[in-house]
Amino acid sequence: MRKACFTLIEVVVALAILGLSITGLLTLLTTSQRRMAKSYEKWERMHMLAQGAEYFMLRGEDPGGIPEEFFPYQGYRIVASYEDMEEEQIPDDYNNLVGQLPLKCLVIRLARERDGELLDELKIDRISYESAIGDEEE
């Protein structure tokens, strides 16, 4: 009577298949972990920009700085400025209308403090009520 056992070649082939499977699984896991970290970092940046945008949208056209109680992130700096909208940026249907209030672009930049690298930028088009009030007073 013959015993049912595996030959050495069958064992080596099975171990090679197992090794390749484990290598593929570990590669998949590390790639997934890297993607999750990158997604979290991008979400965190957008969260900081959104928090800054809320503050600066309520401030008016003199953005100034943002107090630490509204932006408590150590190692990051957020700066806002207004730029005039050029007529080429506004669709023709909305350009030069009677009684049209001027548009301005609020640009919010997020930078890292240690090296000053610009990490992200958010642009928000908004109506300039303060420019309209200044025109009426003149």
C-alpha atoms as a PDB file:
ATOM      1  CA  MET A   1       0.000   0.000   0.000  1.00  0.00           C
ATOM      2  CA  ARG A   2       1.329   3.349  -1.034  1.00  0.00           C
ATOM      3  CA  LYS A   3       1.177   6.435   1.214  1.00  0.00           C
ATOM      4  CA  ALA A   4      -0.420   9.597  -0.196  1.00  0.00           C
ATOM      5  CA  CYS A   5       2.188  12.319   0.185  1.00  0.00           C
ATOM      6  CA  PHE A   6       3.429  15.325  -1.735  1.00  0.00           C
ATOM      7  CA  THR A   7       6.613  15.324  -3.730  1.00  0.00           C
ATOM      8  CA  LEU A   8       9.291  17.923  -3.140  1.00  0.00           C
ATOM      9  CA  ILE A   9       8.477  19.693  -6.421  1.00  0.00           C
ATOM     10  CA  GLU A  10       4.794  20.023  -5.477  1.00  0.00           C
ATOM     11  CA  VAL A  11       5.741  21.558  -2.122  1.00  0.00           C
ATOM     12  CA  VAL A  12       8.183  24.026  -3.746  1.00  0.00           C
ATOM     13  CA  VAL A  13       5.561  25.072  -6.348  1.00  0.00           C
ATOM     14  CA  ALA A  14       2.932  25.551  -3.625  1.00  0.00           C
ATOM     15  CA  LEU A  15       5.346  27.676  -1.558  1.00  0.00           C
ATOM     16  CA  ALA A  16       6.235  29.774  -4.634  1.00  0.00           C
ATOM     17  CA  ILE A  17       2.534  30.416  -5.348  1.00  0.00           C
ATOM     18  CA  LEU A  18       1.939  31.292  -1.695  1.00  0.00           C
ATOM     19  CA  GLY A  19       4.960  33.661  -1.713  1.00  0.00           C
ATOM     20  CA  LEU A  20       3.747  35.431  -4.866  1.00  0.00           C
ATOM     21  CA  SER A  21       0.251  35.782  -3.416  1.00  0.00           C
ATOM     22  CA  ILE A  22       1.547  37.272  -0.172  1.00  0.00           C
ATOM     23  CA  THR A  23       3.845  39.670  -2.098  1.00  0.00           C
ATOM     24  CA  GLY A  24       0.917  40.855  -4.226  1.00  0.00           C
ATOM     25  CA  LEU A  25      -1.273  41.319  -1.158  1.00  0.00           C
ATOM     26  CA  LEU A  26       1.384  43.329   0.700  1.00  0.00           C
ATOM     27  CA  THR A  27       1.955  45.532  -2.359  1.00  0.00           C
ATOM     28  CA  LEU A  28      -1.771  46.168  -2.596  1.00  0.00           C
ATOM     29  CA  LEU A  29      -1.975  47.034   1.109  1.00  0.00           C
ATOM     30  CA  THR A  30       0.959  49.493   1.031  1.00  0.00           C
ATOM     31  CA  THR A  31      -0.389  51.205  -2.100  1.00  0.00           C
ATOM     32  CA  SER A  32      -3.792  51.481  -0.458  1.00  0.00           C
ATOM     33  CA  GLN A  33      -2.261  52.928   2.706  1.00  0.00           C
ATOM     34  CA  ARG A  34      -0.313  55.525   0.687  1.00  0.00           C
ATOM     35  CA  ARG A  35      -3.465  56.549  -1.188  1.00  0.00           C
ATOM     36  CA  MET A  36      -5.407  56.900   2.057  1.00  0.00           C
ATOM     37  CA  ALA A  37      -2.675  59.110   3.556  1.00  0.00           C
ATOM     38  CA  LYS A  38      -2.618  61.276   0.421  1.00  0.00           C
ATOM     39  CA  SER A  39      -6.420  61.580   0.431  1.00  0.00           C
ATOM     40  CA  TYR A  40      -6.439  62.538   4.107  1.00  0.00           C
ATOM     41  CA  GLU A  41      -3.771  65.178   3.502  1.00  0.00           C
ATOM     42  CA  LYS A  42      -5.778  66.640   0.602  1.00  0.00           C
ATOM     43  CA  TRP A  43      -8.971  66.599   2.704  1.00  0.00           C
ATOM     44  CA  GLU A  44      -7.144  68.335   5.561  1.00  0.00           C
ATOM     45  CA  ARG A  45      -5.876  71.068   3.215  1.00  0.00           C
ATOM     46  CA  MET A  46      -9.328  71.622   1.757  1.00  0.00           C
ATOM     47  CA  HIS A  47     -10.778  71.754   5.263  1.00  0.00           C
ATOM     48  CA  MET A  48      -8.284  74.456   6.237  1.00  0.00           C
ATOM     49  CA  LEU A  49      -9.048  76.412   3.048  1.00  0.00           C
ATOM     50  CA  ALA A  50     -12.806  76.095   3.617  1.00  0.00           C
ATOM     51  CA  GLN A  51     -12.423  77.327   7.173  1.00  0.00           C
ATOM     52  CA  GLY A  52     -10.401  80.297   5.921  1.00  0.00           C
ATOM     53  CA  ALA A  53     -12.938  80.955   3.154  1.00  0.00           C
ATOM     54  CA  GLU A  54     -15.798  81.107   5.677  1.00  0.00           C
ATOM     55  CA  TYR A  55     -13.899  83.648   7.743  1.00  0.00           C
ATOM     56  CA  PHE A  56     -12.786  85.837   4.831  1.00  0.00           C
ATOM     57  CA  MET A  57     -16.180  85.782   3.074  1.00  0.00           C
ATOM     58  CA  LEU A  58     -17.745  87.307   6.174  1.00  0.00           C
ATOM     59  CA  ARG A  59     -15.001  89.907   6.637  1.00  0.00           C
ATOM     60  CA  GLY A  60     -15.586  92.172   3.666  1.00  0.00           C
ATOM     61  CA  GLU A  61     -13.006  93.360   1.196  1.00  0.00           C
ATOM     62  CA  ASP A  62     -10.234  94.077   3.691  1.00  0.00           C
ATOM     63  CA  PRO A  63      -9.257  90.507   4.554  1.00  0.00           C
ATOM     64  CA  GLY A  64      -6.392  91.288   6.907  1.00  0.00           C
ATOM     65  CA  GLY A  65      -5.140  88.301   8.897  1.00  0.00           C
ATOM     66  CA  ILE A  66      -7.010  85.434  10.436  1.00  0.00           C
ATOM     67  CA  PRO A  67      -6.989  85.067  14.252  1.00  0.00           C
ATOM     68  CA  GLU A  68      -5.731  81.857  15.814  1.00  0.00           C
ATOM     69  CA  GLU A  69      -9.137  81.017  17.322  1.00  0.00           C
ATOM     70  CA  PHE A  70     -10.542  80.729  13.774  1.00  0.00           C
ATOM     71  CA  PHE A  71      -7.474  79.032  12.280  1.00  0.00           C
ATOM     72  CA  PRO A  72      -5.808  76.905  14.989  1.00  0.00           C
ATOM     73  CA  TYR A  73      -3.496  74.915  12.700  1.00  0.00           C
ATOM     74  CA  GLN A  74       0.129  75.060  13.835  1.00  0.00           C
ATOM     75  CA  GLY A  75       2.700  75.131  11.046  1.00  0.00           C
ATOM     76  CA  TYR A  76       0.321  76.497   8.407  1.00  0.00           C
ATOM     77  CA  ARG A  77      -0.464  80.003   7.279  1.00  0.00           C
ATOM     78  CA  ILE A  78      -3.448  81.225   5.315  1.00  0.00           C
ATOM     79  CA  VAL A  79      -3.440  84.488   3.337  1.00  0.00           C
ATOM     80  CA  ALA A  80      -6.283  86.110   1.436  1.00  0.00           C
ATOM     81  CA  SER A  81      -6.335  88.864  -1.159  1.00  0.00           C
ATOM     82  CA  TYR A  82      -8.791  90.304  -3.656  1.00  0.00           C
ATOM     83  CA  GLU A  83      -8.167  90.564  -7.371  1.00  0.00           C
ATOM     84  CA  ASP A  84     -10.277  92.465  -9.885  1.00  0.00           C
ATOM     85  CA  MET A  85     -12.149  90.305 -12.362  1.00  0.00           C
ATOM     86  CA  GLU A  86     -11.185  90.961 -15.949  1.00  0.00           C
ATOM     87  CA  GLU A  87     -13.935  91.250 -18.541  1.00  0.00           C
ATOM     88  CA  GLU A  88     -12.559  88.208 -20.403  1.00  0.00           C
ATOM     89  CA  GLN A  89     -13.197  86.048 -17.325  1.00  0.00           C
ATOM     90  CA  ILE A  90     -16.894  86.962 -17.173  1.00  0.00           C
ATOM     91  CA  PRO A  91     -19.244  85.343 -19.722  1.00  0.00           C
ATOM     92  CA  ASP A  92     -20.647  87.800 -22.294  1.00  0.00           C
ATOM     93  CA  ASP A  93     -24.215  87.203 -21.072  1.00  0.00           C
ATOM     94  CA  TYR A  94     -23.262  88.624 -17.656  1.00  0.00           C
ATOM     95  CA  ASN A  95     -20.938  91.402 -18.751  1.00  0.00           C
ATOM     96  CA  ASN A  96     -21.809  95.114 -18.892  1.00  0.00           C
ATOM     97  CA  LEU A  97     -25.364  94.769 -17.631  1.00  0.00           C
ATOM     98  CA  VAL A  98     -27.218  97.844 -16.387  1.00  0.00           C
ATOM     99  CA  GLY A  99     -26.883  98.150 -12.612  1.00  0.00           C
ATOM    100  CA  GLN A 100     -24.420  95.275 -12.477  1.00  0.00           C
ATOM    101  CA  LEU A 101     -22.323  95.243  -9.330  1.00  0.00           C
ATOM    102  CA  PRO A 102     -18.599  94.662  -9.886  1.00  0.00           C
ATOM    103  CA  LEU A 103     -17.159  91.197  -9.373  1.00  0.00           C
ATOM    104  CA  LYS A 104     -13.983  90.509  -7.438  1.00  0.00           C
ATOM    105  CA  CYS A 105     -12.050  87.300  -6.977  1.00  0.00           C
ATOM    106  CA  LEU A 106     -11.146  86.302  -3.422  1.00  0.00           C
ATOM    107  CA  VAL A 107      -7.921  84.277  -3.562  1.00  0.00           C
ATOM    108  CA  ILE A 108      -7.103  82.228  -0.461  1.00  0.00           C
ATOM    109  CA  ARG A 109      -3.674  80.612  -0.281  1.00  0.00           C
ATOM    110  CA  LEU A 110      -2.536  77.933   2.155  1.00  0.00           C
ATOM    111  CA  ALA A 111       1.212  77.728   2.815  1.00  0.00           C
ATOM    112  CA  ARG A 112       3.465  75.771   5.112  1.00  0.00           C
ATOM    113  CA  GLU A 113       5.260  78.086   7.552  1.00  0.00           C
ATOM    114  CA  ARG A 114       8.599  76.275   7.828  1.00  0.00           C
ATOM    115  CA  ASP A 115       9.503  76.559   4.135  1.00  0.00           C
ATOM    116  CA  GLY A 116       6.825  78.933   2.785  1.00  0.00           C
ATOM    117  CA  GLU A 117       5.709  76.375   0.178  1.00  0.00           C
ATOM    118  CA  LEU A 118       2.300  77.115  -1.339  1.00  0.00           C
ATOM    119  CA  LEU A 119       0.231  73.987  -0.689  1.00  0.00           C
ATOM    120  CA  ASP A 120      -3.134  74.898  -2.143  1.00  0.00           C
ATOM    121  CA  GLU A 121      -5.186  77.800  -3.418  1.00  0.00           C
ATOM    122  CA  LEU A 122      -8.902  78.529  -3.532  1.00  0.00           C
ATOM    123  CA  LYS A 123     -10.522  81.186  -5.728  1.00  0.00           C
ATOM    124  CA  ILE A 124     -14.008  82.484  -5.023  1.00  0.00           C
ATOM    125  CA  ASP A 125     -15.796  84.961  -7.275  1.00  0.00           C
ATOM    126  CA  ARG A 126     -18.001  87.326  -5.337  1.00  0.00           C
ATOM    127  CA  ILE A 127     -19.958  90.508  -5.850  1.00  0.00           C
ATOM    128  CA  SER A 128     -18.226  93.603  -4.527  1.00  0.00           C
ATOM    129  CA  TYR A 129     -20.863  95.444  -2.525  1.00  0.00           C
ATOM    130  CA  GLU A 130     -18.269  97.740  -0.969  1.00  0.00           C
ATOM    131  CA  SER A 131     -17.143  99.017  -4.393  1.00  0.00           C
ATOM    132  CA  ALA A 132     -20.777  99.735  -5.263  1.00  0.00           C
ATOM    133  CA  ILE A 133     -21.285 101.668  -2.004  1.00  0.00           C
ATOM    134  CA  GLY A 134     -18.103 103.673  -2.667  1.00  0.00           C
ATOM    135  CA  ASP A 135     -19.387 104.570  -6.169  1.00  0.00           C
ATOM    136  CA  GLU A 136     -22.728 105.756  -4.788  1.00  0.00           C
ATOM    137  CA  GLU A 137     -21.065 108.049  -2.238  1.00  0.00           C
ATOM    138  CA  GLU A 138     -19.034 109.814  -4.951  1.00  0.00           C
END
